[in-house]
Amino acid sequence: MTALRKWMVLILLQICGWPALAQQYPAKPLRFVVSFPPGGTVDIVARIVQPRLAEALGQPIIIENRGGAGGAVGTEAVARSAPDGSDSVSAQETSSVLGFTEKPPCNWTRSGA
């Protein structure tokens, strides 16, 4: 492939990506899943951060507590949600080692968590 062709392909790929820049993010309310019960440290930190983050993003942020199994329930809920970028999880380091267990609840690499 000649140098001119490489440049033409590069420019064409950049032009094809421009419509993605016109999209607004976030386009809908965000869901912030706290993987521990209400009143705990993780929940308190999430509720302290939520108002300023919502103001900065211009969208409401819904905090949802999904406690259980050491944070695995909330983490799994976000891992199985739609991959549209509107869900986030607040967990502790125990949730990050779930992929190394004998039978993980879902495929973390494929789900994007």
PDB file of N, CA and C in Angstrom:
ATOM      1  N   MET A   1       0.847  -1.164   0.000  1.00  0.00           N
ATOM      2  CA  MET A   1       0.000   0.000   0.000  1.00  0.00           C
ATOM      3  C   MET A   1       0.903   1.241   0.000  1.00  0.00           C
ATOM      4  N   THR A   2       0.607   2.146  -0.873  1.00  0.00           N
ATOM      5  CA  THR A   2       1.436   3.348  -0.965  1.00  0.00           C
ATOM      6  C   THR A   2       1.128   4.293   0.190  1.00  0.00           C
ATOM      7  N   ALA A   3       2.012   5.249   0.377  1.00  0.00           N
ATOM      8  CA  ALA A   3       1.840   6.212   1.468  1.00  0.00           C
ATOM      9  C   ALA A   3       0.585   7.048   1.261  1.00  0.00           C
ATOM     10  N   LEU A   4       0.278   7.399   0.017  1.00  0.00           N
ATOM     11  CA  LEU A   4      -0.911   8.193  -0.267  1.00  0.00           C
ATOM     12  C   LEU A   4      -2.177   7.425   0.103  1.00  0.00           C
ATOM     13  N   ARG A   5      -2.208   6.141  -0.217  1.00  0.00           N
ATOM     14  CA  ARG A   5      -3.377   5.310   0.122  1.00  0.00           C
ATOM     15  C   ARG A   5      -3.554   5.200   1.629  1.00  0.00           C
ATOM     16  N   LYS A   6      -2.432   5.043   2.339  1.00  0.00           N
ATOM     17  CA  LYS A   6      -2.507   4.957   3.801  1.00  0.00           C
ATOM     18  C   LYS A   6      -3.085   6.228   4.384  1.00  0.00           C
ATOM     19  N   TRP A   7      -2.668   7.377   3.876  1.00  0.00           N
ATOM     20  CA  TRP A   7      -3.195   8.656   4.372  1.00  0.00           C
ATOM     21  C   TRP A   7      -4.675   8.803   4.036  1.00  0.00           C
ATOM     22  N   MET A   8      -5.060   8.362   2.847  1.00  0.00           N
ATOM     23  CA  MET A   8      -6.468   8.457   2.450  1.00  0.00           C
ATOM     24  C   MET A   8      -7.344   7.578   3.347  1.00  0.00           C
ATOM     25  N   VAL A   9      -6.874   6.382   3.656  1.00  0.00           N
ATOM     26  CA  VAL A   9      -7.625   5.485   4.536  1.00  0.00           C
ATOM     27  C   VAL A   9      -7.710   6.082   5.941  1.00  0.00           C
ATOM     28  N   LEU A  10      -6.628   6.646   6.434  1.00  0.00           N
ATOM     29  CA  LEU A  10      -6.624   7.265   7.749  1.00  0.00           C
ATOM     30  C   LEU A  10      -7.600   8.438   7.822  1.00  0.00           C
ATOM     31  N   ILE A  11      -7.606   9.280   6.815  1.00  0.00           N
ATOM     32  CA  ILE A  11      -8.528  10.420   6.783  1.00  0.00           C
ATOM     33  C   ILE A  11      -9.969   9.939   6.683  1.00  0.00           C
ATOM     34  N   LEU A  12     -10.220   8.934   5.886  1.00  0.00           N
ATOM     35  CA  LEU A  12     -11.573   8.395   5.751  1.00  0.00           C
ATOM     36  C   LEU A  12     -12.069   7.816   7.075  1.00  0.00           C
ATOM     37  N   LEU A  13     -11.213   7.102   7.799  1.00  0.00           N
ATOM     38  CA  LEU A  13     -11.604   6.547   9.094  1.00  0.00           C
ATOM     39  C   LEU A  13     -11.900   7.650  10.107  1.00  0.00           C
ATOM     40  N   GLN A  14     -11.146   8.724  10.061  1.00  0.00           N
ATOM     41  CA  GLN A  14     -11.401   9.838  10.969  1.00  0.00           C
ATOM     42  C   GLN A  14     -12.721  10.526  10.647  1.00  0.00           C
ATOM     43  N   ILE A  15     -13.021  10.675   9.375  1.00  0.00           N
ATOM     44  CA  ILE A  15     -14.278  11.308   8.983  1.00  0.00           C
ATOM     45  C   ILE A  15     -15.461  10.447   9.399  1.00  0.00           C
ATOM     46  N   CYS A  16     -15.324   9.129   9.312  1.00  0.00           N
ATOM     47  CA  CYS A  16     -16.410   8.230   9.708  1.00  0.00           C
ATOM     48  C   CYS A  16     -16.687   8.306  11.207  1.00  0.00           C
ATOM     49  N   GLY A  17     -15.703   8.683  11.995  1.00  0.00           N
ATOM     50  CA  GLY A  17     -15.887   8.767  13.436  1.00  0.00           C
ATOM     51  C   GLY A  17     -16.486  10.075  13.917  1.00  0.00           C
ATOM     52  N   TRP A  18     -16.613  11.077  13.058  1.00  0.00           N
ATOM     53  CA  TRP A  18     -17.126  12.377  13.468  1.00  0.00           C
ATOM     54  C   TRP A  18     -18.550  12.349  14.001  1.00  0.00           C
ATOM     55  N   PRO A  19     -19.468  11.553  13.452  1.00  0.00           N
ATOM     56  CA  PRO A  19     -20.824  11.543  14.025  1.00  0.00           C
ATOM     57  C   PRO A  19     -20.850  11.130  15.499  1.00  0.00           C
ATOM     58  N   ALA A  20     -19.901  10.325  15.921  1.00  0.00           N
ATOM     59  CA  ALA A  20     -19.858   9.922  17.330  1.00  0.00           C
ATOM     60  C   ALA A  20     -19.533  11.110  18.228  1.00  0.00           C
ATOM     61  N   LEU A  21     -18.821  12.090  17.728  1.00  0.00           N
ATOM     62  CA  LEU A  21     -18.490  13.272  18.517  1.00  0.00           C
ATOM     63  C   LEU A  21     -19.719  14.142  18.778  1.00  0.00           C
ATOM     64  N   ALA A  22     -20.721  14.040  17.913  1.00  0.00           N
ATOM     65  CA  ALA A  22     -21.920  14.860  18.062  1.00  0.00           C
ATOM     66  C   ALA A  22     -22.872  14.317  19.120  1.00  0.00           C
ATOM     67  N   GLN A  23     -22.640  13.109  19.586  1.00  0.00           N
ATOM     68  CA  GLN A  23     -23.514  12.515  20.585  1.00  0.00           C
ATOM     69  C   GLN A  23     -23.283  13.153  21.939  1.00  0.00           C
ATOM     70  N   GLN A  24     -24.367  13.350  22.661  1.00  0.00           N
ATOM     71  CA  GLN A  24     -24.282  13.886  24.011  1.00  0.00           C
ATOM     72  C   GLN A  24     -24.083  12.740  25.000  1.00  0.00           C
ATOM     73  N   TYR A  25     -23.169  12.918  25.937  1.00  0.00           N
ATOM     74  CA  TYR A  25     -23.026  11.952  27.019  1.00  0.00           C
ATOM     75  C   TYR A  25     -23.054  12.709  28.316  1.00  0.00           C
ATOM     76  N   PRO A  26     -23.773  12.286  29.245  1.00  0.00           N
ATOM     77  CA  PRO A  26     -24.763  11.206  29.226  1.00  0.00           C
ATOM     78  C   PRO A  26     -26.092  11.705  28.666  1.00  0.00           C
ATOM     79  N   ALA A  27     -26.727  10.861  27.909  1.00  0.00           N
ATOM     80  CA  ALA A  27     -27.991  11.220  27.271  1.00  0.00           C
ATOM     81  C   ALA A  27     -29.183  10.855  28.147  1.00  0.00           C
ATOM     82  N   LYS A  28     -28.980  10.082  29.180  1.00  0.00           N
ATOM     83  CA  LYS A  28     -30.066   9.698  30.077  1.00  0.00           C
ATOM     84  C   LYS A  28     -29.534   9.636  31.505  1.00  0.00           C
ATOM     85  N   PRO A  29     -30.420   9.553  32.495  1.00  0.00           N
ATOM     86  CA  PRO A  29     -29.951   9.502  33.885  1.00  0.00           C
ATOM     87  C   PRO A  29     -28.998   8.332  34.129  1.00  0.00           C
ATOM     88  N   LEU A  30     -28.016   8.561  34.971  1.00  0.00           N
ATOM     89  CA  LEU A  30     -27.030   7.536  35.281  1.00  0.00           C
ATOM     90  C   LEU A  30     -27.463   6.736  36.498  1.00  0.00           C
ATOM     91  N   ARG A  31     -27.125   5.458  36.504  1.00  0.00           N
ATOM     92  CA  ARG A  31     -27.417   4.585  37.635  1.00  0.00           C
ATOM     93  C   ARG A  31     -26.102   4.219  38.303  1.00  0.00           C
ATOM     94  N   PHE A  32     -25.998   4.559  39.566  1.00  0.00           N
ATOM     95  CA  PHE A  32     -24.793   4.295  40.344  1.00  0.00           C
ATOM     96  C   PHE A  32     -25.129   3.205  41.347  1.00  0.00           C
ATOM     97  N   VAL A  33     -24.644   1.999  41.119  1.00  0.00           N
ATOM     98  CA  VAL A  33     -24.959   0.855  41.975  1.00  0.00           C
ATOM     99  C   VAL A  33     -23.918   0.761  43.084  1.00  0.00           C
ATOM    100  N   VAL A  34     -24.397   0.835  44.314  1.00  0.00           N
ATOM    101  CA  VAL A  34     -23.539   0.646  45.482  1.00  0.00           C
ATOM    102  C   VAL A  34     -23.725  -0.806  45.901  1.00  0.00           C
ATOM    103  N   SER A  35     -22.647  -1.560  45.884  1.00  0.00           N
ATOM    104  CA  SER A  35     -22.761  -2.999  46.103  1.00  0.00           C
ATOM    105  C   SER A  35     -22.756  -3.393  47.575  1.00  0.00           C
ATOM    106  N   PHE A  36     -23.172  -2.478  48.440  1.00  0.00           N
ATOM    107  CA  PHE A  36     -23.275  -2.753  49.867  1.00  0.00           C
ATOM    108  C   PHE A  36     -24.545  -2.110  50.403  1.00  0.00           C
ATOM    109  N   PRO A  37     -25.033  -2.548  51.568  1.00  0.00           N
ATOM    110  CA  PRO A  37     -26.290  -2.021  52.108  1.00  0.00           C
ATOM    111  C   PRO A  37     -26.212  -0.529  52.438  1.00  0.00           C
ATOM    112  N   PRO A  38     -27.361   0.137  52.538  1.00  0.00           N
ATOM    113  CA  PRO A  38     -27.381   1.563  52.883  1.00  0.00           C
ATOM    114  C   PRO A  38     -26.795   1.821  54.262  1.00  0.00           C
ATOM    115  N   GLY A  39     -26.146   2.963  54.409  1.00  0.00           N
ATOM    116  CA  GLY A  39     -25.597   3.358  55.696  1.00  0.00           C
ATOM    117  C   GLY A  39     -24.149   2.991  55.899  1.00  0.00           C
ATOM    118  N   GLY A  40     -23.587   2.193  55.001  1.00  0.00           N
ATOM    119  CA  GLY A  40     -22.184   1.804  55.127  1.00  0.00           C
ATOM    120  C   GLY A  40     -21.265   2.865  54.548  1.00  0.00           C
ATOM    121  N   THR A  41     -19.979   2.630  54.658  1.00  0.00           N
ATOM    122  CA  THR A  41     -18.992   3.590  54.192  1.00  0.00           C
ATOM    123  C   THR A  41     -19.092   3.831  52.688  1.00  0.00           C
ATOM    124  N   VAL A  42     -19.247   2.773  51.918  1.00  0.00           N
ATOM    125  CA  VAL A  42     -19.328   2.913  50.465  1.00  0.00           C
ATOM    126  C   VAL A  42     -20.567   3.720  50.082  1.00  0.00           C
ATOM    127  N   ASP A  43     -21.686   3.487  50.752  1.00  0.00           N
ATOM    128  CA  ASP A  43     -22.919   4.216  50.483  1.00  0.00           C
ATOM    129  C   ASP A  43     -22.769   5.694  50.838  1.00  0.00           C
ATOM    130  N   ILE A  44     -22.152   5.983  51.969  1.00  0.00           N
ATOM    131  CA  ILE A  44     -21.971   7.374  52.403  1.00  0.00           C
ATOM    132  C   ILE A  44     -21.091   8.137  51.409  1.00  0.00           C
ATOM    133  N   VAL A  45     -20.009   7.521  50.957  1.00  0.00           N
ATOM    134  CA  VAL A  45     -19.131   8.167  49.986  1.00  0.00           C
ATOM    135  C   VAL A  45     -19.872   8.412  48.674  1.00  0.00           C
ATOM    136  N   ALA A  46     -20.664   7.451  48.232  1.00  0.00           N
ATOM    137  CA  ALA A  46     -21.431   7.617  46.993  1.00  0.00           C
ATOM    138  C   ALA A  46     -22.419   8.771  47.112  1.00  0.00           C
ATOM    139  N   ARG A  47     -23.059   8.918  48.245  1.00  0.00           N
ATOM    140  CA  ARG A  47     -24.037   9.994  48.433  1.00  0.00           C
ATOM    141  C   ARG A  47     -23.375  11.356  48.615  1.00  0.00           C
ATOM    142  N   ILE A  48     -22.131  11.383  49.044  1.00  0.00           N
ATOM    143  CA  ILE A  48     -21.388  12.645  49.119  1.00  0.00           C
ATOM    144  C   ILE A  48     -20.966  13.098  47.715  1.00  0.00           C
ATOM    145  N   VAL A  49     -20.547  12.151  46.887  1.00  0.00           N
ATOM    146  CA  VAL A  49     -20.054  12.460  45.540  1.00  0.00           C
ATOM    147  C   VAL A  49     -21.201  12.754  44.569  1.00  0.00           C
ATOM    148  N   GLN A  50     -22.341  12.140  44.766  1.00  0.00           N
ATOM    149  CA  GLN A  50     -23.452  12.193  43.819  1.00  0.00           C
ATOM    150  C   GLN A  50     -23.918  13.593  43.433  1.00  0.00           C
ATOM    151  N   PRO A  51     -24.161  14.534  44.356  1.00  0.00           N
ATOM    152  CA  PRO A  51     -24.691  15.839  43.930  1.00  0.00           C
ATOM    153  C   PRO A  51     -23.740  16.625  43.017  1.00  0.00           C
ATOM    154  N   ARG A  52     -22.472  16.635  43.347  1.00  0.00           N
ATOM    155  CA  ARG A  52     -21.527  17.393  42.514  1.00  0.00           C
ATOM    156  C   ARG A  52     -21.294  16.725  41.166  1.00  0.00           C
ATOM    157  N   LEU A  53     -21.274  15.403  41.149  1.00  0.00           N
ATOM    158  CA  LEU A  53     -21.105  14.693  39.889  1.00  0.00           C
ATOM    159  C   LEU A  53     -22.317  14.906  38.987  1.00  0.00           C
ATOM    160  N   ALA A  54     -23.509  14.878  39.559  1.00  0.00           N
ATOM    161  CA  ALA A  54     -24.729  15.123  38.781  1.00  0.00           C
ATOM    162  C   ALA A  54     -24.728  16.538  38.213  1.00  0.00           C
ATOM    163  N   GLU A  55     -24.272  17.486  39.008  1.00  0.00           N
ATOM    164  CA  GLU A  55     -24.203  18.871  38.541  1.00  0.00           C
ATOM    165  C   GLU A  55     -23.188  19.017  37.412  1.00  0.00           C
ATOM    166  N   ALA A  56     -22.048  18.362  37.539  1.00  0.00           N
ATOM    167  CA  ALA A  56     -21.005  18.457  36.513  1.00  0.00           C
ATOM    168  C   ALA A  56     -21.423  17.796  35.202  1.00  0.00           C
ATOM    169  N   LEU A  57     -22.147  16.678  35.289  1.00  0.00           N
ATOM    170  CA  LEU A  57     -22.565  15.957  34.088  1.00  0.00           C
ATOM    171  C   LEU A  57     -23.868  16.481  33.501  1.00  0.00           C
ATOM    172  N   GLY A  58     -24.638  17.184  34.307  1.00  0.00           N
ATOM    173  CA  GLY A  58     -25.911  17.713  33.816  1.00  0.00           C
ATOM    174  C   GLY A  58     -27.018  16.677  33.728  1.00  0.00           C
ATOM    175  N   GLN A  59     -26.887  15.575  34.410  1.00  0.00           N
ATOM    176  CA  GLN A  59     -27.901  14.512  34.435  1.00  0.00           C
ATOM    177  C   GLN A  59     -28.070  14.035  35.869  1.00  0.00           C
ATOM    178  N   PRO A  60     -29.287  13.623  36.219  1.00  0.00           N
ATOM    179  CA  PRO A  60     -29.464  13.062  37.557  1.00  0.00           C
ATOM    180  C   PRO A  60     -28.750  11.717  37.692  1.00  0.00           C
ATOM    181  N   ILE A  61     -28.297  11.434  38.897  1.00  0.00           N
ATOM    182  CA  ILE A  61     -27.645  10.160  39.184  1.00  0.00           C
ATOM    183  C   ILE A  61     -28.481   9.445  40.235  1.00  0.00           C
ATOM    184  N   ILE A  62     -28.906   8.252  39.897  1.00  0.00           N
ATOM    185  CA  ILE A  62     -29.727   7.450  40.786  1.00  0.00           C
ATOM    186  C   ILE A  62     -28.825   6.466  41.517  1.00  0.00           C
ATOM    187  N   ILE A  63     -28.825   6.528  42.834  1.00  0.00           N
ATOM    188  CA  ILE A  63     -28.028   5.598  43.634  1.00  0.00           C
ATOM    189  C   ILE A  63     -28.904   4.415  44.011  1.00  0.00           C
ATOM    190  N   GLU A  64     -28.433   3.234  43.677  1.00  0.00           N
ATOM    191  CA  GLU A  64     -29.179   2.001  43.958  1.00  0.00           C
ATOM    192  C   GLU A  64     -28.300   1.094  44.812  1.00  0.00           C
ATOM    193  N   ASN A  65     -28.784   0.736  45.978  1.00  0.00           N
ATOM    194  CA  ASN A  65     -28.036  -0.170  46.855  1.00  0.00           C
ATOM    195  C   ASN A  65     -28.424  -1.609  46.542  1.00  0.00           C
ATOM    196  N   ARG A  66     -27.422  -2.428  46.237  1.00  0.00           N
ATOM    197  CA  ARG A  66     -27.643  -3.849  45.978  1.00  0.00           C
ATOM    198  C   ARG A  66     -26.611  -4.629  46.773  1.00  0.00           C
ATOM    199  N   GLY A  67     -26.866  -4.747  48.047  1.00  0.00           N
ATOM    200  CA  GLY A  67     -25.934  -5.444  48.920  1.00  0.00           C
ATOM    201  C   GLY A  67     -26.101  -6.940  48.857  1.00  0.00           C
ATOM    202  N   GLY A  68     -25.070  -7.638  49.234  1.00  0.00           N
ATOM    203  CA  GLY A  68     -25.132  -9.094  49.308  1.00  0.00           C
ATOM    204  C   GLY A  68     -23.913  -9.743  48.702  1.00  0.00           C
ATOM    205  N   ALA A  69     -23.521 -10.850  49.279  1.00  0.00           N
ATOM    206  CA  ALA A  69     -22.420 -11.685  48.787  1.00  0.00           C
ATOM    207  C   ALA A  69     -21.117 -10.912  48.696  1.00  0.00           C
ATOM    208  N   GLY A  70     -20.873 -10.023  49.650  1.00  0.00           N
ATOM    209  CA  GLY A  70     -19.618  -9.287  49.684  1.00  0.00           C
ATOM    210  C   GLY A  70     -19.420  -8.347  48.507  1.00  0.00           C
ATOM    211  N   GLY A  71     -20.500  -7.851  47.945  1.00  0.00           N
ATOM    212  CA  GLY A  71     -20.418  -6.929  46.819  1.00  0.00           C
ATOM    213  C   GLY A  71     -20.645  -7.571  45.471  1.00  0.00           C
ATOM    214  N   ALA A  72     -20.766  -8.892  45.435  1.00  0.00           N
ATOM    215  CA  ALA A  72     -20.915  -9.592  44.158  1.00  0.00           C
ATOM    216  C   ALA A  72     -22.267  -9.326  43.504  1.00  0.00           C
ATOM    217  N   VAL A  73     -23.314  -9.127  44.294  1.00  0.00           N
ATOM    218  CA  VAL A  73     -24.656  -8.927  43.735  1.00  0.00           C
ATOM    219  C   VAL A  73     -24.711  -7.625  42.936  1.00  0.00           C
ATOM    220  N   GLY A  74     -24.219  -6.536  43.519  1.00  0.00           N
ATOM    221  CA  GLY A  74     -24.218  -5.257  42.823  1.00  0.00           C
ATOM    222  C   GLY A  74     -23.293  -5.233  41.630  1.00  0.00           C
ATOM    223  N   THR A  75     -22.122  -5.837  41.783  1.00  0.00           N
ATOM    224  CA  THR A  75     -21.166  -5.880  40.683  1.00  0.00           C
ATOM    225  C   THR A  75     -21.714  -6.692  39.520  1.00  0.00           C
ATOM    226  N   GLU A  76     -22.374  -7.799  39.827  1.00  0.00           N
ATOM    227  CA  GLU A  76     -22.959  -8.627  38.776  1.00  0.00           C
ATOM    228  C   GLU A  76     -24.109  -7.907  38.080  1.00  0.00           C
ATOM    229  N   ALA A  77     -24.889  -7.117  38.821  1.00  0.00           N
ATOM    230  CA  ALA A  77     -25.997  -6.370  38.220  1.00  0.00           C
ATOM    231  C   ALA A  77     -25.481  -5.385  37.172  1.00  0.00           C
ATOM    232  N   VAL A  78     -24.377  -4.728  37.460  1.00  0.00           N
ATOM    233  CA  VAL A  78     -23.809  -3.790  36.491  1.00  0.00           C
ATOM    234  C   VAL A  78     -23.167  -4.539  35.333  1.00  0.00           C
ATOM    235  N   ALA A  79     -22.528  -5.663  35.619  1.00  0.00           N
ATOM    236  CA  ALA A  79     -21.895  -6.445  34.559  1.00  0.00           C
ATOM    237  C   ALA A  79     -22.917  -6.983  33.571  1.00  0.00           C
ATOM    238  N   ARG A  80     -24.120  -7.254  34.031  1.00  0.00           N
ATOM    239  CA  ARG A  80     -25.159  -7.796  33.145  1.00  0.00           C
ATOM    240  C   ARG A  80     -26.078  -6.726  32.570  1.00  0.00           C
ATOM    241  N   SER A  81     -25.849  -5.472  32.887  1.00  0.00           N
ATOM    242  CA  SER A  81     -26.699  -4.402  32.358  1.00  0.00           C
ATOM    243  C   SER A  81     -26.294  -4.083  30.917  1.00  0.00           C
ATOM    244  N   ALA A  82     -27.118  -3.279  30.281  1.00  0.00           N
ATOM    245  CA  ALA A  82     -26.851  -2.903  28.890  1.00  0.00           C
ATOM    246  C   ALA A  82     -25.537  -2.113  28.808  1.00  0.00           C
ATOM    247  N   PRO A  83     -24.730  -2.384  27.789  1.00  0.00           N
ATOM    248  CA  PRO A  83     -23.425  -1.707  27.684  1.00  0.00           C
ATOM    249  C   PRO A  83     -23.537  -0.310  27.072  1.00  0.00           C
ATOM    250  N   ASP A  84     -24.350   0.546  27.669  1.00  0.00           N
ATOM    251  CA  ASP A  84     -24.549   1.890  27.126  1.00  0.00           C
ATOM    252  C   ASP A  84     -23.821   2.961  27.917  1.00  0.00           C
ATOM    253  N   GLY A  85     -23.088   2.572  28.943  1.00  0.00           N
ATOM    254  CA  GLY A  85     -22.298   3.525  29.700  1.00  0.00           C
ATOM    255  C   GLY A  85     -23.065   4.292  30.755  1.00  0.00           C
ATOM    256  N   SER A  86     -24.314   3.900  31.006  1.00  0.00           N
ATOM    257  CA  SER A  86     -25.104   4.651  31.985  1.00  0.00           C
ATOM    258  C   SER A  86     -25.093   4.000  33.366  1.00  0.00           C
ATOM    259  N   ASP A  87     -24.441   2.863  33.512  1.00  0.00           N
ATOM    260  CA  ASP A  87     -24.378   2.178  34.798  1.00  0.00           C
ATOM    261  C   ASP A  87     -22.945   2.169  35.315  1.00  0.00           C
ATOM    262  N   SER A  88     -22.827   2.371  36.610  1.00  0.00           N
ATOM    263  CA  SER A  88     -21.521   2.351  37.255  1.00  0.00           C
ATOM    264  C   SER A  88     -21.661   1.625  38.577  1.00  0.00           C
ATOM    265  N   VAL A  89     -20.577   1.080  39.086  1.00  0.00           N
ATOM    266  CA  VAL A  89     -20.630   0.346  40.341  1.00  0.00           C
ATOM    267  C   VAL A  89     -19.589   0.905  41.300  1.00  0.00           C
ATOM    268  N   SER A  90     -19.976   0.967  42.545  1.00  0.00           N
ATOM    269  CA  SER A  90     -19.047   1.349  43.605  1.00  0.00           C
ATOM    270  C   SER A  90     -18.875   0.130  44.495  1.00  0.00           C
ATOM    271  N   ALA A  91     -17.707  -0.436  44.472  1.00  0.00           N
ATOM    272  CA  ALA A  91     -17.457  -1.666  45.209  1.00  0.00           C
ATOM    273  C   ALA A  91     -16.103  -1.601  45.889  1.00  0.00           C
ATOM    274  N   GLN A  92     -15.830  -2.601  46.692  1.00  0.00           N
ATOM    275  CA  GLN A  92     -14.525  -2.700  47.320  1.00  0.00           C
ATOM    276  C   GLN A  92     -13.698  -3.728  46.575  1.00  0.00           C
ATOM    277  N   GLU A  93     -12.469  -3.892  46.997  1.00  0.00           N
ATOM    278  CA  GLU A  93     -11.562  -4.776  46.279  1.00  0.00           C
ATOM    279  C   GLU A  93     -12.000  -6.236  46.271  1.00  0.00           C
ATOM    280  N   THR A  94     -12.909  -6.630  47.158  1.00  0.00           N
ATOM    281  CA  THR A  94     -13.360  -8.024  47.161  1.00  0.00           C
ATOM    282  C   THR A  94     -14.097  -8.368  45.880  1.00  0.00           C
ATOM    283  N   SER A  95     -14.764  -7.394  45.278  1.00  0.00           N
ATOM    284  CA  SER A  95     -15.498  -7.654  44.039  1.00  0.00           C
ATOM    285  C   SER A  95     -14.571  -7.848  42.856  1.00  0.00           C
ATOM    286  N   SER A  96     -13.362  -7.326  42.936  1.00  0.00           N
ATOM    287  CA  SER A  96     -12.451  -7.419  41.804  1.00  0.00           C
ATOM    288  C   SER A  96     -11.809  -8.795  41.679  1.00  0.00           C
ATOM    289  N   VAL A  97     -11.865  -9.615  42.697  1.00  0.00           N
ATOM    290  CA  VAL A  97     -11.266 -10.943  42.621  1.00  0.00           C
ATOM    291  C   VAL A  97     -12.284 -12.019  42.267  1.00  0.00           C
ATOM    292  N   LEU A  98     -13.510 -11.639  41.972  1.00  0.00           N
ATOM    293  CA  LEU A  98     -14.537 -12.627  41.659  1.00  0.00           C
ATOM    294  C   LEU A  98     -14.227 -13.409  40.388  1.00  0.00           C
ATOM    295  N   GLY A  99     -13.482 -12.808  39.468  1.00  0.00           N
ATOM    296  CA  GLY A  99     -13.125 -13.503  38.240  1.00  0.00           C
ATOM    297  C   GLY A  99     -12.164 -14.651  38.462  1.00  0.00           C
ATOM    298  N   PHE A 100     -11.524 -14.708  39.615  1.00  0.00           N
ATOM    299  CA  PHE A 100     -10.568 -15.766  39.902  1.00  0.00           C
ATOM    300  C   PHE A 100     -11.175 -16.913  40.707  1.00  0.00           C
ATOM    301  N   THR A 101     -12.452 -16.829  41.007  1.00  0.00           N
ATOM    302  CA  THR A 101     -13.091 -17.909  41.739  1.00  0.00           C
ATOM    303  C   THR A 101     -13.322 -19.089  40.813  1.00  0.00           C
ATOM    304  N   GLU A 102     -13.679 -20.214  41.384  1.00  0.00           N
ATOM    305  CA  GLU A 102     -13.861 -21.409  40.571  1.00  0.00           C
ATOM    306  C   GLU A 102     -14.981 -21.254  39.546  1.00  0.00           C
ATOM    307  N   LYS A 103     -16.100 -20.673  39.966  1.00  0.00           N
ATOM    308  CA  LYS A 103     -17.232 -20.524  39.060  1.00  0.00           C
ATOM    309  C   LYS A 103     -17.773 -19.098  39.184  1.00  0.00           C
ATOM    310  N   PRO A 104     -17.225 -18.152  38.412  1.00  0.00           N
ATOM    311  CA  PRO A 104     -17.701 -16.772  38.516  1.00  0.00           C
ATOM    312  C   PRO A 104     -19.147 -16.658  38.038  1.00  0.00           C
ATOM    313  N   PRO A 105     -19.911 -15.693  38.585  1.00  0.00           N
ATOM    314  CA  PRO A 105     -21.320 -15.566  38.232  1.00  0.00           C
ATOM    315  C   PRO A 105     -21.564 -15.159  36.783  1.00  0.00           C
ATOM    316  N   CYS A 106     -20.617 -14.477  36.154  1.00  0.00           N
ATOM    317  CA  CYS A 106     -20.754 -14.138  34.737  1.00  0.00           C
ATOM    318  C   CYS A 106     -19.362 -13.907  34.156  1.00  0.00           C
ATOM    319  N   ASN A 107     -19.291 -13.783  32.845  1.00  0.00           N
ATOM    320  CA  ASN A 107     -18.022 -13.577  32.188  1.00  0.00           C
ATOM    321  C   ASN A 107     -17.680 -12.089  32.231  1.00  0.00           C
ATOM    322  N   TRP A 108     -16.779 -11.704  33.119  1.00  0.00           N
ATOM    323  CA  TRP A 108     -16.465 -10.284  33.332  1.00  0.00           C
ATOM    324  C   TRP A 108     -15.807  -9.654  32.121  1.00  0.00           C
ATOM    325  N   THR A 109     -14.988 -10.383  31.392  1.00  0.00           N
ATOM    326  CA  THR A 109     -14.297  -9.795  30.246  1.00  0.00           C
ATOM    327  C   THR A 109     -15.258  -9.521  29.104  1.00  0.00           C
ATOM    328  N   ARG A 110     -16.249 -10.357  28.909  1.00  0.00           N
ATOM    329  CA  ARG A 110     -17.199 -10.158  27.829  1.00  0.00           C
ATOM    330  C   ARG A 110     -18.247  -9.106  28.179  1.00  0.00           C
ATOM    331  N   SER A 111     -18.573  -8.949  29.450  1.00  0.00           N
ATOM    332  CA  SER A 111     -19.630  -8.021  29.835  1.00  0.00           C
ATOM    333  C   SER A 111     -19.134  -6.593  29.949  1.00  0.00           C
ATOM    334  N   GLY A 112     -17.829  -6.350  29.979  1.00  0.00           N
ATOM    335  CA  GLY A 112     -17.302  -5.006  30.017  1.00  0.00           C
ATOM    336  C   GLY A 112     -17.138  -4.443  31.411  1.00  0.00           C
ATOM    337  N   ALA A 113     -17.312  -5.251  32.430  1.00  0.00           N
ATOM    338  CA  ALA A 113     -17.178  -4.754  33.810  1.00  0.00           C
ATOM    339  C   ALA A 113     -15.740  -4.573  34.181  1.00  0.00           C
TER     340      ALA A 113
END
